[in-house]
């Protein structure tokens, strides 16, 4: 099973983004997504932003992870 992490984009430079996931910030690869901007929400897997998601998708993903933990 693969698990993605939802996160908010803090900054973007070239193909690298800084994300905030539950208060923890880290750099990830963002090269496969077009037009990524601060404030966007993304799904991250293995250090790579794999999809843009909506704010409501991000909240739902956080709720599900909270239930699992």
PDB file of N, CA and C in Angstrom:
ATOM      1  N   UNK A   1       0.841  -1.170   0.000  1.00  0.00           N
ATOM      2  CA  UNK A   1       0.000   0.000   0.000  1.00  0.00           C
ATOM      3  C   UNK A   1       0.892   1.241   0.000  1.00  0.00           C
ATOM      4  N   UNK A   2       0.530   2.210  -0.813  1.00  0.00           N
ATOM      5  CA  UNK A   2       1.245   3.484  -0.861  1.00  0.00           C
ATOM      6  C   UNK A   2       0.405   4.539  -0.160  1.00  0.00           C
ATOM      7  N   UNK A   3       1.047   5.375   0.602  1.00  0.00           N
ATOM      8  CA  UNK A   3       0.344   6.432   1.309  1.00  0.00           C
ATOM      9  C   UNK A   3       0.942   7.765   0.904  1.00  0.00           C
ATOM     10  N   UNK A   4       0.078   8.674   0.481  1.00  0.00           N
ATOM     11  CA  UNK A   4       0.507  10.030   0.159  1.00  0.00           C
ATOM     12  C   UNK A   4       0.210  10.937   1.335  1.00  0.00           C
ATOM     13  N   UNK A   5       0.924  12.017   1.399  1.00  0.00           N
ATOM     14  CA  UNK A   5       0.762  13.002   2.458  1.00  0.00           C
ATOM     15  C   UNK A   5       0.244  14.282   1.832  1.00  0.00           C
ATOM     16  N   UNK A   6      -0.817  14.842   2.381  1.00  0.00           N
ATOM     17  CA  UNK A   6      -1.309  16.118   1.871  1.00  0.00           C
ATOM     18  C   UNK A   6      -0.560  17.240   2.570  1.00  0.00           C
ATOM     19  N   UNK A   7      -0.280  18.323   1.827  1.00  0.00           N
ATOM     20  CA  UNK A   7       0.499  19.422   2.382  1.00  0.00           C
ATOM     21  C   UNK A   7       0.209  20.713   1.633  1.00  0.00           C
ATOM     22  N   UNK A   8       0.507  21.826   2.298  1.00  0.00           N
ATOM     23  CA  UNK A   8       0.344  23.146   1.698  1.00  0.00           C
ATOM     24  C   UNK A   8       1.705  23.639   1.215  1.00  0.00           C
ATOM     25  N   UNK A   9       1.727  24.198   0.020  1.00  0.00           N
ATOM     26  CA  UNK A   9       2.963  24.724  -0.555  1.00  0.00           C
ATOM     27  C   UNK A   9       3.281  26.076   0.085  1.00  0.00           C
ATOM     28  N   UNK A  10       4.498  26.202   0.607  1.00  0.00           N
ATOM     29  CA  UNK A  10       4.951  27.439   1.234  1.00  0.00           C
ATOM     30  C   UNK A  10       5.700  28.296   0.219  1.00  0.00           C
ATOM     31  N   UNK A  11       6.588  27.663  -0.546  1.00  0.00           N
ATOM     32  CA  UNK A  11       7.349  28.388  -1.564  1.00  0.00           C
ATOM     33  C   UNK A  11       7.746  27.435  -2.676  1.00  0.00           C
ATOM     34  N   UNK A  12       8.058  28.033  -3.838  1.00  0.00           N
ATOM     35  CA  UNK A  12       8.471  27.237  -4.998  1.00  0.00           C
ATOM     36  C   UNK A  12       9.643  27.950  -5.660  1.00  0.00           C
ATOM     37  N   UNK A  13      10.678  27.182  -5.977  1.00  0.00           N
ATOM     38  CA  UNK A  13      11.812  27.713  -6.727  1.00  0.00           C
ATOM     39  C   UNK A  13      12.286  26.619  -7.669  1.00  0.00           C
ATOM     40  N   UNK A  14      12.257  26.935  -8.964  1.00  0.00           N
ATOM     41  CA  UNK A  14      12.619  25.971  -9.998  1.00  0.00           C
ATOM     42  C   UNK A  14      11.750  24.723  -9.832  1.00  0.00           C
ATOM     43  N   UNK A  15      12.350  23.568  -9.661  1.00  0.00           N
ATOM     44  CA  UNK A  15      11.588  22.321  -9.524  1.00  0.00           C
ATOM     45  C   UNK A  15      11.525  21.827  -8.083  1.00  0.00           C
ATOM     46  N   UNK A  16      11.738  22.731  -7.129  1.00  0.00           N
ATOM     47  CA  UNK A  16      11.712  22.376  -5.713  1.00  0.00           C
ATOM     48  C   UNK A  16      10.672  23.222  -4.994  1.00  0.00           C
ATOM     49  N   UNK A  17       9.931  22.600  -4.106  1.00  0.00           N
ATOM     50  CA  UNK A  17       8.945  23.320  -3.300  1.00  0.00           C
ATOM     51  C   UNK A  17       9.207  23.053  -1.825  1.00  0.00           C
ATOM     52  N   UNK A  18       8.892  24.028  -1.001  1.00  0.00           N
ATOM     53  CA  UNK A  18       8.871  23.832   0.445  1.00  0.00           C
ATOM     54  C   UNK A  18       7.402  23.669   0.811  1.00  0.00           C
ATOM     55  N   UNK A  19       7.104  22.602   1.542  1.00  0.00           N
ATOM     56  CA  UNK A  19       5.726  22.326   1.945  1.00  0.00           C
ATOM     57  C   UNK A  19       5.603  22.375   3.463  1.00  0.00           C
ATOM     58  N   UNK A  20       4.381  22.560   3.913  1.00  0.00           N
ATOM     59  CA  UNK A  20       4.054  22.483   5.332  1.00  0.00           C
ATOM     60  C   UNK A  20       3.026  21.376   5.492  1.00  0.00           C
ATOM     61  N   UNK A  21       3.394  20.367   6.236  1.00  0.00           N
ATOM     62  CA  UNK A  21       2.505  19.239   6.501  1.00  0.00           C
ATOM     63  C   UNK A  21       2.349  19.106   8.009  1.00  0.00           C
ATOM     64  N   UNK A  22       1.262  19.617   8.526  1.00  0.00           N
ATOM     65  CA  UNK A  22       1.012  19.526   9.960  1.00  0.00           C
ATOM     66  C   UNK A  22       2.014  20.291  10.799  1.00  0.00           C
ATOM     67  N   UNK A  23       2.552  21.386  10.264  1.00  0.00           N
ATOM     68  CA  UNK A  23       3.518  22.191  11.001  1.00  0.00           C
ATOM     69  C   UNK A  23       4.966  21.867  10.703  1.00  0.00           C
ATOM     70  N   UNK A  24       5.215  20.750  10.064  1.00  0.00           N
ATOM     71  CA  UNK A  24       6.584  20.373   9.695  1.00  0.00           C
ATOM     72  C   UNK A  24       6.836  20.806   8.253  1.00  0.00           C
ATOM     73  N   UNK A  25       7.931  21.525   8.043  1.00  0.00           N
ATOM     74  CA  UNK A  25       8.268  21.967   6.694  1.00  0.00           C
ATOM     75  C   UNK A  25       9.426  21.153   6.151  1.00  0.00           C
ATOM     76  N   UNK A  26       9.343  20.879   4.836  1.00  0.00           N
ATOM     77  CA  UNK A  26      10.438  20.162   4.186  1.00  0.00           C
ATOM     78  C   UNK A  26      10.449  20.480   2.705  1.00  0.00           C
ATOM     79  N   UNK A  27      11.589  20.261   2.073  1.00  0.00           N
ATOM     80  CA  UNK A  27      11.724  20.454   0.638  1.00  0.00           C
ATOM     81  C   UNK A  27      11.329  19.174  -0.081  1.00  0.00           C
ATOM     82  N   UNK A  28      10.632  19.356  -1.207  1.00  0.00           N
ATOM     83  CA  UNK A  28      10.240  18.216  -2.036  1.00  0.00           C
ATOM     84  C   UNK A  28      10.493  18.556  -3.495  1.00  0.00           C
ATOM     85  N   UNK A  29      10.490  17.544  -4.331  1.00  0.00           N
ATOM     86  CA  UNK A  29      10.586  17.738  -5.767  1.00  0.00           C
ATOM     87  C   UNK A  29       9.206  18.101  -6.299  1.00  0.00           C
ATOM     88  N   UNK A  30       9.146  19.153  -7.108  1.00  0.00           N
ATOM     89  CA  UNK A  30       7.862  19.605  -7.652  1.00  0.00           C
ATOM     90  C   UNK A  30       7.900  19.684  -9.178  1.00  0.00           C
ATOM     91  N   UNK A  31       8.859  19.031  -9.787  1.00  0.00           N
ATOM     92  CA  UNK A  31       9.079  19.150 -11.219  1.00  0.00           C
ATOM     93  C   UNK A  31       8.000  18.574 -12.110  1.00  0.00           C
ATOM     94  N   UNK A  32       7.186  17.654 -11.600  1.00  0.00           N
ATOM     95  CA  UNK A  32       6.182  17.050 -12.480  1.00  0.00           C
ATOM     96  C   UNK A  32       4.860  17.818 -12.511  1.00  0.00           C
ATOM     97  N   UNK A  33       4.738  18.847 -11.667  1.00  0.00           N
ATOM     98  CA  UNK A  33       3.500  19.631 -11.645  1.00  0.00           C
ATOM     99  C   UNK A  33       3.725  20.991 -12.289  1.00  0.00           C
ATOM    100  N   UNK A  34       2.790  21.401 -13.123  1.00  0.00           N
ATOM    101  CA  UNK A  34       2.855  22.710 -13.770  1.00  0.00           C
ATOM    102  C   UNK A  34       2.203  23.769 -12.897  1.00  0.00           C
ATOM    103  N   UNK A  35       2.753  24.966 -12.954  1.00  0.00           N
ATOM    104  CA  UNK A  35       2.164  26.143 -12.330  1.00  0.00           C
ATOM    105  C   UNK A  35       1.837  25.965 -10.848  1.00  0.00           C
ATOM    106  N   UNK A  36       2.764  25.439 -10.109  1.00  0.00           N
ATOM    107  CA  UNK A  36       2.596  25.283  -8.666  1.00  0.00           C
ATOM    108  C   UNK A  36       2.952  26.598  -7.993  1.00  0.00           C
ATOM    109  N   UNK A  37       2.094  27.066  -7.078  1.00  0.00           N
ATOM    110  CA  UNK A  37       2.291  28.345  -6.414  1.00  0.00           C
ATOM    111  C   UNK A  37       2.111  28.212  -4.910  1.00  0.00           C
ATOM    112  N   UNK A  38       2.727  29.119  -4.141  1.00  0.00           N
ATOM    113  CA  UNK A  38       2.486  29.116  -2.695  1.00  0.00           C
ATOM    114  C   UNK A  38       0.991  29.224  -2.411  1.00  0.00           C
ATOM    115  N   UNK A  39       0.544  28.446  -1.444  1.00  0.00           N
ATOM    116  CA  UNK A  39      -0.874  28.408  -1.104  1.00  0.00           C
ATOM    117  C   UNK A  39      -1.604  27.236  -1.721  1.00  0.00           C
ATOM    118  N   UNK A  40      -1.019  26.623  -2.767  1.00  0.00           N
ATOM    119  CA  UNK A  40      -1.623  25.425  -3.359  1.00  0.00           C
ATOM    120  C   UNK A  40      -1.486  24.262  -2.383  1.00  0.00           C
ATOM    121  N   UNK A  41      -2.340  23.286  -2.546  1.00  0.00           N
ATOM    122  CA  UNK A  41      -2.242  22.041  -1.780  1.00  0.00           C
ATOM    123  C   UNK A  41      -1.814  20.935  -2.728  1.00  0.00           C
ATOM    124  N   UNK A  42      -0.967  20.042  -2.229  1.00  0.00           N
ATOM    125  CA  UNK A  42      -0.458  18.941  -3.040  1.00  0.00           C
ATOM    126  C   UNK A  42      -0.518  17.630  -2.267  1.00  0.00           C
ATOM    127  N   UNK A  43      -0.502  16.547  -3.026  1.00  0.00           N
ATOM    128  CA  UNK A  43      -0.336  15.215  -2.468  1.00  0.00           C
ATOM    129  C   UNK A  43       1.115  14.839  -2.726  1.00  0.00           C
ATOM    130  N   UNK A  44       1.806  14.402  -1.669  1.00  0.00           N
ATOM    131  CA  UNK A  44       3.235  14.105  -1.750  1.00  0.00           C
ATOM    132  C   UNK A  44       3.456  12.627  -1.476  1.00  0.00           C
ATOM    133  N   UNK A  45       4.283  12.014  -2.307  1.00  0.00           N
ATOM    134  CA  UNK A  45       4.667  10.615  -2.092  1.00  0.00           C
ATOM    135  C   UNK A  45       6.161  10.493  -2.359  1.00  0.00           C
ATOM    136  N   UNK A  46       6.876   9.925  -1.420  1.00  0.00           N
ATOM    137  CA  UNK A  46       8.316   9.672  -1.541  1.00  0.00           C
ATOM    138  C   UNK A  46       9.087  10.935  -1.899  1.00  0.00           C
ATOM    139  N   UNK A  47       8.684  12.073  -1.308  1.00  0.00           N
ATOM    140  CA  UNK A  47       9.405  13.313  -1.521  1.00  0.00           C
ATOM    141  C   UNK A  47       9.112  14.015  -2.831  1.00  0.00           C
ATOM    142  N   UNK A  48       8.025  13.592  -3.513  1.00  0.00           N
ATOM    143  CA  UNK A  48       7.658  14.176  -4.797  1.00  0.00           C
ATOM    144  C   UNK A  48       6.196  14.619  -4.755  1.00  0.00           C
ATOM    145  N   UNK A  49       5.933  15.859  -5.179  1.00  0.00           N
ATOM    146  CA  UNK A  49       4.555  16.324  -5.312  1.00  0.00           C
ATOM    147  C   UNK A  49       3.964  15.627  -6.534  1.00  0.00           C
ATOM    148  N   UNK A  50       2.937  14.794  -6.305  1.00  0.00           N
ATOM    149  CA  UNK A  50       2.403  13.990  -7.405  1.00  0.00           C
ATOM    150  C   UNK A  50       1.087  14.524  -7.955  1.00  0.00           C
ATOM    151  N   UNK A  51       0.401  15.410  -7.214  1.00  0.00           N
ATOM    152  CA  UNK A  51      -0.864  15.957  -7.694  1.00  0.00           C
ATOM    153  C   UNK A  51      -1.239  17.196  -6.902  1.00  0.00           C
ATOM    154  N   UNK A  52      -1.884  18.130  -7.586  1.00  0.00           N
ATOM    155  CA  UNK A  52      -2.504  19.251  -6.887  1.00  0.00           C
ATOM    156  C   UNK A  52      -3.841  18.768  -6.360  1.00  0.00           C
ATOM    157  N   UNK A  53      -4.217  19.228  -5.166  1.00  0.00           N
ATOM    158  CA  UNK A  53      -5.516  18.880  -4.603  1.00  0.00           C
ATOM    159  C   UNK A  53      -6.183  20.158  -4.088  1.00  0.00           C
ATOM    160  N   UNK A  54      -7.480  20.068  -3.838  1.00  0.00           N
ATOM    161  CA  UNK A  54      -8.201  21.230  -3.311  1.00  0.00           C
ATOM    162  C   UNK A  54      -8.031  21.305  -1.794  1.00  0.00           C
ATOM    163  N   UNK A  55      -8.378  22.446  -1.233  1.00  0.00           N
ATOM    164  CA  UNK A  55      -8.299  22.619   0.221  1.00  0.00           C
ATOM    165  C   UNK A  55      -9.219  21.621   0.925  1.00  0.00           C
ATOM    166  N   UNK A  56     -10.387  21.354   0.352  1.00  0.00           N
ATOM    167  CA  UNK A  56     -11.301  20.391   0.982  1.00  0.00           C
ATOM    168  C   UNK A  56     -10.748  18.973   0.886  1.00  0.00           C
ATOM    169  N   UNK A  57     -10.045  18.643  -0.209  1.00  0.00           N
ATOM    170  CA  UNK A  57      -9.389  17.332  -0.308  1.00  0.00           C
ATOM    171  C   UNK A  57      -8.323  17.194   0.771  1.00  0.00           C
ATOM    172  N   UNK A  58      -7.591  18.295   1.021  1.00  0.00           N
ATOM    173  CA  UNK A  58      -6.541  18.278   2.030  1.00  0.00           C
ATOM    174  C   UNK A  58      -7.135  18.041   3.417  1.00  0.00           C
ATOM    175  N   UNK A  59      -8.238  18.708   3.723  1.00  0.00           N
ATOM    176  CA  UNK A  59      -8.900  18.520   5.024  1.00  0.00           C
ATOM    177  C   UNK A  59      -9.391  17.089   5.178  1.00  0.00           C
ATOM    178  N   UNK A  60      -9.964  16.546   4.110  1.00  0.00           N
ATOM    179  CA  UNK A  60     -10.461  15.164   4.158  1.00  0.00           C
ATOM    180  C   UNK A  60      -9.311  14.179   4.372  1.00  0.00           C
ATOM    181  N   UNK A  61      -8.197  14.394   3.683  1.00  0.00           N
ATOM    182  CA  UNK A  61      -7.039  13.515   3.841  1.00  0.00           C
ATOM    183  C   UNK A  61      -6.499  13.582   5.272  1.00  0.00           C
ATOM    184  N   UNK A  62      -6.450  14.787   5.847  1.00  0.00           N
ATOM    185  CA  UNK A  62      -6.012  14.923   7.234  1.00  0.00           C
ATOM    186  C   UNK A  62      -6.947  14.212   8.197  1.00  0.00           C
ATOM    187  N   UNK A  63      -8.253  14.313   7.965  1.00  0.00           N
ATOM    188  CA  UNK A  63      -9.229  13.621   8.820  1.00  0.00           C
ATOM    189  C   UNK A  63      -9.039  12.110   8.752  1.00  0.00           C
ATOM    190  N   UNK A  64      -8.844  11.596   7.565  1.00  0.00           N
ATOM    191  CA  UNK A  64      -8.668  10.141   7.387  1.00  0.00           C
ATOM    192  C   UNK A  64      -7.401   9.678   8.082  1.00  0.00           C
ATOM    193  N   UNK A  65      -6.302  10.433   7.899  1.00  0.00           N
ATOM    194  CA  UNK A  65      -5.045  10.047   8.562  1.00  0.00           C
ATOM    195  C   UNK A  65      -5.195  10.094  10.077  1.00  0.00           C
ATOM    196  N   UNK A  66      -5.939  11.081  10.579  1.00  0.00           N
ATOM    197  CA  UNK A  66      -6.183  11.174  12.012  1.00  0.00           C
ATOM    198  C   UNK A  66      -6.929   9.966  12.547  1.00  0.00           C
ATOM    199  N   UNK A  67      -7.896   9.484  11.766  1.00  0.00           N
ATOM    200  CA  UNK A  67      -8.656   8.302  12.169  1.00  0.00           C
ATOM    201  C   UNK A  67      -7.789   7.053  12.158  1.00  0.00           C
ATOM    202  N   UNK A  68      -6.879   6.962  11.195  1.00  0.00           N
ATOM    203  CA  UNK A  68      -6.015   5.793  11.084  1.00  0.00           C
ATOM    204  C   UNK A  68      -4.986   5.743  12.208  1.00  0.00           C
ATOM    205  N   UNK A  69      -4.558   6.913  12.651  1.00  0.00           N
ATOM    206  CA  UNK A  69      -3.536   6.946  13.692  1.00  0.00           C
ATOM    207  C   UNK A  69      -4.195   6.876  15.038  1.00  0.00           C
TER     208      UNK A  69
END
